[in-house]
N, C-alpha and C. Protein backbone atom coordinates (compact mmCIF):
# COMPACT_ATOMS: atom_id res chain seq x y z
N UNK A 1 -4.38 -0.09 3.82
CA UNK A 1 -4.84 1.10 3.13
C UNK A 1 -6.15 1.57 3.74
N UNK A 2 -6.37 2.83 3.67
CA UNK A 2 -7.59 3.44 4.18
C UNK A 2 -8.80 3.00 3.35
N UNK A 3 -9.96 2.95 3.98
CA UNK A 3 -11.19 2.60 3.26
C UNK A 3 -11.59 3.70 2.28
N UNK A 4 -11.02 4.89 2.41
CA UNK A 4 -11.42 6.00 1.56
C UNK A 4 -10.48 6.16 0.37
N UNK A 5 -9.75 5.16 0.01
CA UNK A 5 -8.72 5.35 -1.01
C UNK A 5 -9.05 4.88 -2.42
N UNK A 6 -10.11 4.37 -2.81
CA UNK A 6 -10.30 4.00 -4.21
C UNK A 6 -11.41 4.79 -4.88
N UNK A 7 -11.55 4.86 -6.13
CA UNK A 7 -12.66 5.56 -6.81
C UNK A 7 -13.44 4.52 -7.60
N UNK A 8 -14.04 4.85 -8.66
CA UNK A 8 -14.78 3.90 -9.48
C UNK A 8 -13.80 3.10 -10.33
N UNK A 9 -14.03 1.81 -10.49
CA UNK A 9 -13.11 0.95 -11.23
C UNK A 9 -12.90 1.46 -12.65
N UNK A 10 -13.91 1.90 -13.27
CA UNK A 10 -13.80 2.36 -14.66
C UNK A 10 -13.04 3.68 -14.77
N UNK A 11 -13.05 4.47 -13.75
CA UNK A 11 -12.50 5.82 -13.81
C UNK A 11 -11.05 5.87 -14.26
N UNK A 12 -10.19 5.05 -13.71
CA UNK A 12 -8.79 5.17 -14.05
C UNK A 12 -8.40 4.41 -15.29
N UNK A 13 -9.26 3.54 -15.76
CA UNK A 13 -9.03 2.98 -17.07
C UNK A 13 -9.18 4.13 -18.07
N UNK A 14 -10.18 4.97 -17.85
CA UNK A 14 -10.40 6.12 -18.72
C UNK A 14 -9.27 7.14 -18.60
N UNK A 15 -8.65 7.25 -17.46
CA UNK A 15 -7.56 8.21 -17.29
C UNK A 15 -6.31 7.77 -18.03
N UNK A 16 -6.22 6.48 -18.33
CA UNK A 16 -5.11 5.98 -19.11
C UNK A 16 -3.76 6.04 -18.40
N UNK A 17 -2.70 5.61 -18.89
CA UNK A 17 -1.34 5.59 -18.34
C UNK A 17 -1.04 4.19 -17.88
N UNK A 18 -0.13 3.58 -18.57
CA UNK A 18 0.23 2.20 -18.41
C UNK A 18 0.04 1.55 -17.07
N UNK A 19 0.59 2.09 -16.00
CA UNK A 19 0.56 1.37 -14.72
C UNK A 19 -0.61 1.77 -13.85
N UNK A 20 -1.48 2.63 -14.32
CA UNK A 20 -2.60 3.07 -13.48
C UNK A 20 -3.50 1.91 -13.10
N UNK A 21 -3.77 1.80 -11.86
CA UNK A 21 -4.77 0.85 -11.41
C UNK A 21 -6.13 1.48 -11.65
N UNK A 22 -7.13 0.68 -11.85
CA UNK A 22 -8.45 1.21 -12.15
C UNK A 22 -9.23 1.44 -10.87
N UNK A 23 -8.88 2.44 -10.11
CA UNK A 23 -9.55 2.72 -8.85
C UNK A 23 -9.23 4.13 -8.40
N UNK A 24 -9.75 4.53 -7.28
CA UNK A 24 -9.53 5.88 -6.78
C UNK A 24 -9.94 6.01 -5.32
N UNK A 25 -10.41 7.18 -4.82
CA UNK A 25 -10.47 7.46 -3.40
C UNK A 25 -11.52 6.84 -2.50
N UNK A 26 -12.45 6.09 -2.85
CA UNK A 26 -13.41 5.63 -1.85
C UNK A 26 -13.50 4.13 -1.65
N UNK A 27 -12.73 3.35 -2.35
CA UNK A 27 -12.79 1.90 -2.18
C UNK A 27 -11.51 1.30 -2.73
N UNK A 28 -10.55 1.02 -1.86
CA UNK A 28 -9.26 0.54 -2.34
C UNK A 28 -9.22 -0.96 -2.59
N UNK A 29 -10.33 -1.63 -2.45
CA UNK A 29 -10.34 -3.09 -2.59
C UNK A 29 -9.98 -3.58 -3.99
N UNK A 30 -10.03 -2.72 -4.97
CA UNK A 30 -9.76 -3.14 -6.33
C UNK A 30 -8.36 -2.78 -6.84
N UNK A 31 -7.58 -2.01 -6.09
CA UNK A 31 -6.30 -1.55 -6.59
C UNK A 31 -5.39 -2.68 -7.02
N UNK A 32 -5.09 -3.59 -6.13
CA UNK A 32 -4.15 -4.66 -6.43
C UNK A 32 -4.64 -5.52 -7.59
N UNK A 33 -5.89 -5.91 -7.53
CA UNK A 33 -6.46 -6.72 -8.61
C UNK A 33 -6.43 -5.98 -9.94
N UNK A 34 -6.80 -4.71 -9.92
CA UNK A 34 -6.82 -3.92 -11.15
C UNK A 34 -5.41 -3.75 -11.71
N UNK A 35 -4.47 -3.49 -10.83
CA UNK A 35 -3.09 -3.32 -11.27
C UNK A 35 -2.59 -4.61 -11.92
N UNK A 36 -2.84 -5.74 -11.28
CA UNK A 36 -2.34 -7.00 -11.79
C UNK A 36 -3.05 -7.45 -13.08
N UNK A 37 -4.26 -6.96 -13.30
CA UNK A 37 -4.99 -7.31 -14.53
C UNK A 37 -4.80 -6.27 -15.63
N UNK A 38 -4.18 -5.14 -15.30
CA UNK A 38 -4.01 -4.05 -16.27
C UNK A 38 -3.06 -4.49 -17.38
N UNK A 39 -3.54 -4.47 -18.64
CA UNK A 39 -2.67 -4.89 -19.75
C UNK A 39 -1.48 -3.95 -19.95
N UNK A 40 -1.54 -2.76 -19.39
CA UNK A 40 -0.42 -1.82 -19.49
C UNK A 40 0.70 -2.11 -18.52
N UNK A 41 0.47 -3.04 -17.60
CA UNK A 41 1.50 -3.44 -16.63
C UNK A 41 2.08 -4.77 -17.12
N UNK A 42 3.36 -4.74 -17.48
CA UNK A 42 3.98 -5.97 -18.01
C UNK A 42 4.05 -7.05 -16.93
N UNK A 43 4.15 -8.30 -17.37
CA UNK A 43 4.23 -9.42 -16.44
C UNK A 43 5.37 -9.26 -15.45
N UNK A 44 6.47 -8.71 -15.91
CA UNK A 44 7.63 -8.57 -15.03
C UNK A 44 7.42 -7.52 -13.93
N UNK A 45 6.41 -6.67 -14.10
CA UNK A 45 6.13 -5.63 -13.11
C UNK A 45 4.95 -5.95 -12.20
N UNK A 46 4.23 -7.01 -12.47
CA UNK A 46 3.04 -7.36 -11.67
C UNK A 46 3.37 -7.51 -10.18
N UNK A 47 4.56 -7.97 -9.87
CA UNK A 47 4.95 -8.15 -8.46
C UNK A 47 5.12 -6.81 -7.74
N UNK A 48 5.18 -5.74 -8.49
CA UNK A 48 5.35 -4.41 -7.89
C UNK A 48 4.02 -3.72 -7.62
N UNK A 49 2.92 -4.36 -7.97
CA UNK A 49 1.59 -3.77 -7.75
C UNK A 49 1.32 -3.44 -6.28
N UNK A 50 1.70 -4.30 -5.31
CA UNK A 50 1.45 -3.93 -3.91
C UNK A 50 2.14 -2.62 -3.51
N UNK A 51 3.38 -2.43 -3.95
CA UNK A 51 4.09 -1.19 -3.64
C UNK A 51 3.43 0.01 -4.32
N UNK A 52 2.99 -0.20 -5.54
CA UNK A 52 2.30 0.86 -6.28
C UNK A 52 1.01 1.27 -5.55
N UNK A 53 0.21 0.29 -5.16
CA UNK A 53 -1.05 0.58 -4.48
C UNK A 53 -0.81 1.25 -3.14
N UNK A 54 0.22 0.82 -2.42
CA UNK A 54 0.56 1.46 -1.14
C UNK A 54 0.98 2.90 -1.36
N UNK A 55 1.72 3.16 -2.41
CA UNK A 55 2.14 4.52 -2.74
C UNK A 55 0.93 5.40 -3.01
N UNK A 56 0.05 4.93 -3.86
CA UNK A 56 -1.14 5.72 -4.21
C UNK A 56 -1.99 5.96 -2.97
N UNK A 57 -2.21 4.93 -2.20
CA UNK A 57 -3.02 5.05 -0.99
C UNK A 57 -2.43 6.09 -0.04
N UNK A 58 -1.13 6.01 0.15
CA UNK A 58 -0.47 6.95 1.04
C UNK A 58 -0.57 8.38 0.56
N UNK A 59 -0.37 8.59 -0.73
CA UNK A 59 -0.43 9.93 -1.30
C UNK A 59 -1.84 10.51 -1.23
N UNK A 60 -2.82 9.70 -1.54
CA UNK A 60 -4.21 10.18 -1.48
C UNK A 60 -4.56 10.56 -0.04
N UNK A 61 -4.15 9.72 0.90
CA UNK A 61 -4.43 9.99 2.31
C UNK A 61 -3.77 11.28 2.79
N UNK A 62 -2.59 11.58 2.27
CA UNK A 62 -1.88 12.81 2.66
C UNK A 62 -2.50 14.05 2.03
N UNK A 63 -2.98 13.92 0.80
CA UNK A 63 -3.41 15.10 0.05
C UNK A 63 -4.88 15.45 0.18
N UNK A 64 -5.73 14.46 0.47
CA UNK A 64 -7.16 14.70 0.42
C UNK A 64 -7.88 14.23 1.68
N UNK A 65 -8.78 15.07 2.17
CA UNK A 65 -9.64 14.67 3.28
C UNK A 65 -10.67 13.67 2.76
N UNK A 66 -11.37 13.03 3.67
CA UNK A 66 -12.43 12.08 3.28
C UNK A 66 -13.48 12.78 2.43
N UNK A 67 -13.86 14.00 2.80
CA UNK A 67 -14.87 14.74 2.04
C UNK A 67 -14.36 15.06 0.63
N UNK A 68 -13.08 15.40 0.52
CA UNK A 68 -12.51 15.68 -0.80
C UNK A 68 -12.47 14.42 -1.65
N UNK A 69 -12.18 13.29 -1.02
CA UNK A 69 -12.18 12.03 -1.76
C UNK A 69 -13.58 11.70 -2.26
N UNK A 70 -14.58 11.93 -1.43
CA UNK A 70 -15.97 11.72 -1.87
C UNK A 70 -16.30 12.61 -3.06
N UNK A 71 -15.84 13.85 -3.02
CA UNK A 71 -16.12 14.78 -4.11
C UNK A 71 -15.39 14.36 -5.38
N UNK A 72 -14.20 13.82 -5.25
CA UNK A 72 -13.48 13.33 -6.43
C UNK A 72 -14.27 12.23 -7.11
N UNK A 73 -14.84 11.32 -6.34
CA UNK A 73 -15.67 10.26 -6.91
C UNK A 73 -16.84 10.87 -7.69
N UNK A 74 -17.47 11.87 -7.10
CA UNK A 74 -18.59 12.55 -7.77
C UNK A 74 -18.12 13.25 -9.04
N UNK A 75 -16.96 13.89 -8.98
CA UNK A 75 -16.41 14.58 -10.15
C UNK A 75 -16.13 13.61 -11.28
N UNK A 76 -15.61 12.43 -10.94
CA UNK A 76 -15.34 11.42 -11.97
C UNK A 76 -16.66 10.97 -12.60
N UNK A 77 -17.65 10.69 -11.78
CA UNK A 77 -18.95 10.25 -12.29
C UNK A 77 -19.60 11.30 -13.18
N UNK A 78 -19.42 12.57 -12.79
CA UNK A 78 -20.02 13.68 -13.55
C UNK A 78 -19.13 14.16 -14.68
N UNK A 79 -17.95 13.56 -14.81
CA UNK A 79 -16.98 13.97 -15.83
C UNK A 79 -16.62 15.44 -15.68
N UNK A 80 -16.48 15.86 -14.43
CA UNK A 80 -16.08 17.23 -14.11
C UNK A 80 -14.60 17.22 -13.80
N UNK A 81 -13.83 17.98 -14.52
CA UNK A 81 -12.38 17.99 -14.31
C UNK A 81 -12.02 19.06 -13.28
N UNK A 82 -12.32 18.79 -12.02
CA UNK A 82 -12.08 19.74 -10.94
C UNK A 82 -10.59 19.84 -10.61
N UNK A 83 -10.23 20.84 -9.86
CA UNK A 83 -8.84 21.01 -9.44
C UNK A 83 -8.37 19.79 -8.64
N UNK A 84 -9.20 19.31 -7.71
CA UNK A 84 -8.80 18.14 -6.93
C UNK A 84 -8.68 16.89 -7.79
N UNK A 85 -9.52 16.75 -8.80
CA UNK A 85 -9.40 15.60 -9.69
C UNK A 85 -8.09 15.69 -10.48
N UNK A 86 -7.74 16.88 -10.92
CA UNK A 86 -6.46 17.06 -11.62
C UNK A 86 -5.30 16.69 -10.70
N UNK A 87 -5.35 17.12 -9.44
CA UNK A 87 -4.32 16.79 -8.46
C UNK A 87 -4.28 15.28 -8.21
N UNK A 88 -5.45 14.67 -8.18
CA UNK A 88 -5.58 13.25 -7.95
C UNK A 88 -4.94 12.45 -9.08
N UNK A 89 -5.15 12.86 -10.31
CA UNK A 89 -4.62 12.15 -11.47
C UNK A 89 -3.09 12.13 -11.49
N UNK A 90 -2.47 13.14 -10.92
CA UNK A 90 -1.02 13.23 -10.92
C UNK A 90 -0.38 12.16 -10.03
N UNK A 91 -1.11 11.70 -9.05
CA UNK A 91 -0.58 10.70 -8.12
C UNK A 91 -0.18 9.41 -8.85
N UNK A 92 -0.97 8.98 -9.79
CA UNK A 92 -0.77 7.68 -10.43
C UNK A 92 0.53 7.58 -11.21
N UNK A 93 0.83 8.52 -12.11
CA UNK A 93 2.13 8.39 -12.80
C UNK A 93 3.31 8.59 -11.86
N UNK A 94 3.15 9.42 -10.84
CA UNK A 94 4.23 9.62 -9.88
C UNK A 94 4.54 8.33 -9.13
N UNK A 95 3.52 7.65 -8.67
CA UNK A 95 3.73 6.38 -7.98
C UNK A 95 4.25 5.32 -8.94
N UNK A 96 3.80 5.35 -10.17
CA UNK A 96 4.30 4.39 -11.15
C UNK A 96 5.81 4.59 -11.37
N UNK A 97 6.24 5.85 -11.47
CA UNK A 97 7.67 6.12 -11.64
C UNK A 97 8.47 5.64 -10.43
N UNK A 98 7.91 5.79 -9.24
CA UNK A 98 8.64 5.39 -8.03
C UNK A 98 8.65 3.89 -7.80
N UNK A 99 7.63 3.19 -8.22
CA UNK A 99 7.51 1.78 -7.83
C UNK A 99 7.60 0.78 -8.98
N UNK A 100 7.34 1.19 -10.19
CA UNK A 100 7.23 0.25 -11.30
C UNK A 100 8.49 0.21 -12.18
N UNK A 101 9.64 0.43 -11.59
CA UNK A 101 10.87 0.40 -12.39
C UNK A 101 11.81 -0.66 -11.93
């Protein structure tokens, strides 16, 4: 995964949605760990966390430049619901539907 693929750990816990990993566009080091520790991910689905994280990483890399990813991190910190942040949030349930079934 790209180094520009995770956000703040707390950010996606706040975004909610069962399989969401608690991370975003600038530091992907927490995706797998967050997914596997997420109480919304059942034990039977924990083995699918690597596929989920790869999906999210790939989608973020396709949709957002490094500068846009940096801005998303700032938007999350500032609690600004920007257009790119809205687009970013859609990635998580889409990847969950594709990988967590």
